[in-house]
Amino acid sequence: MPQQRRLTVRTTLDMTSICRLAESTDL
């Protein structure tokens, strides 16, 4: 099930970008 694994990685990347966005907006 490589598709599910890819989805998980994508979700993790999205979470990271969201966190970064929140950090930059917190300025």
N, C-alpha and C. Protein backbone atom coordinates (compact mmCIF):
# COMPACT_ATOMS: atom_id res chain seq x y z
N MET A 1 0.84 -1.22 0.00
CA MET A 1 0.00 0.00 0.00
C MET A 1 0.87 1.26 0.00
N PRO A 2 1.58 1.49 -1.08
CA PRO A 2 2.45 2.68 -1.16
C PRO A 2 1.64 3.97 -1.25
N GLN A 3 0.43 3.86 -1.78
CA GLN A 3 -0.40 5.06 -1.92
C GLN A 3 -0.72 5.67 -0.57
N GLN A 4 -1.10 4.82 0.38
CA GLN A 4 -1.45 5.34 1.71
C GLN A 4 -0.23 5.98 2.35
N ARG A 5 0.93 5.37 2.14
CA ARG A 5 2.14 5.91 2.74
C ARG A 5 2.43 7.29 2.13
N ARG A 6 2.25 7.39 0.84
CA ARG A 6 2.49 8.67 0.17
C ARG A 6 1.54 9.74 0.72
N LEU A 7 0.30 9.34 0.96
CA LEU A 7 -0.69 10.27 1.50
C LEU A 7 -0.24 10.77 2.88
N THR A 8 0.29 9.86 3.68
CA THR A 8 0.75 10.24 5.02
C THR A 8 1.88 11.26 4.92
N VAL A 9 2.81 10.99 4.00
CA VAL A 9 3.94 11.92 3.83
C VAL A 9 3.42 13.28 3.39
N ARG A 10 2.46 13.26 2.50
CA ARG A 10 1.91 14.53 2.00
C ARG A 10 1.23 15.28 3.15
N THR A 11 0.49 14.57 3.98
CA THR A 11 -0.18 15.21 5.11
C THR A 11 0.85 15.83 6.06
N THR A 12 1.94 15.10 6.28
CA THR A 12 2.98 15.61 7.17
C THR A 12 3.57 16.89 6.60
N LEU A 13 3.80 16.90 5.30
CA LEU A 13 4.36 18.09 4.65
C LEU A 13 3.39 19.26 4.79
N ASP A 14 2.10 18.97 4.61
CA ASP A 14 1.09 20.02 4.75
C ASP A 14 1.11 20.60 6.17
N MET A 15 1.20 19.72 7.15
CA MET A 15 1.23 20.18 8.55
C MET A 15 2.44 21.06 8.78
N THR A 16 3.58 20.66 8.20
CA THR A 16 4.80 21.45 8.38
C THR A 16 4.64 22.83 7.77
N SER A 17 4.08 22.89 6.56
CA SER A 17 3.90 24.18 5.90
C SER A 17 2.91 25.04 6.68
N ILE A 18 1.89 24.41 7.23
CA ILE A 18 0.89 25.15 8.02
C ILE A 18 1.57 25.76 9.25
N CYS A 19 2.42 24.95 9.90
CA CYS A 19 3.12 25.43 11.09
C CYS A 19 4.02 26.60 10.71
N ARG A 20 4.69 26.48 9.59
CA ARG A 20 5.58 27.56 9.14
C ARG A 20 4.77 28.82 8.85
N LEU A 21 3.63 28.63 8.22
CA LEU A 21 2.78 29.76 7.90
C LEU A 21 2.34 30.45 9.18
N ALA A 22 1.95 29.66 10.18
CA ALA A 22 1.51 30.21 11.45
C ALA A 22 2.65 30.99 12.11
N GLU A 23 3.85 30.45 12.00
CA GLU A 23 5.01 31.12 12.60
C GLU A 23 5.24 32.48 11.94
N SER A 24 5.17 32.51 10.62
CA SER A 24 5.44 33.76 9.90
C SER A 24 4.31 34.77 10.17
N THR A 25 3.10 34.28 10.36
CA THR A 25 2.00 35.21 10.62
C THR A 25 2.05 35.70 12.07
N ASP A 26 2.67 34.89 12.94
CA ASP A 26 2.77 35.28 14.34
C ASP A 26 3.69 36.48 14.51
N LEU A 27 4.50 36.74 13.50
CA LEU A 27 5.39 37.89 13.58
C LEU A 27 4.56 39.16 13.71
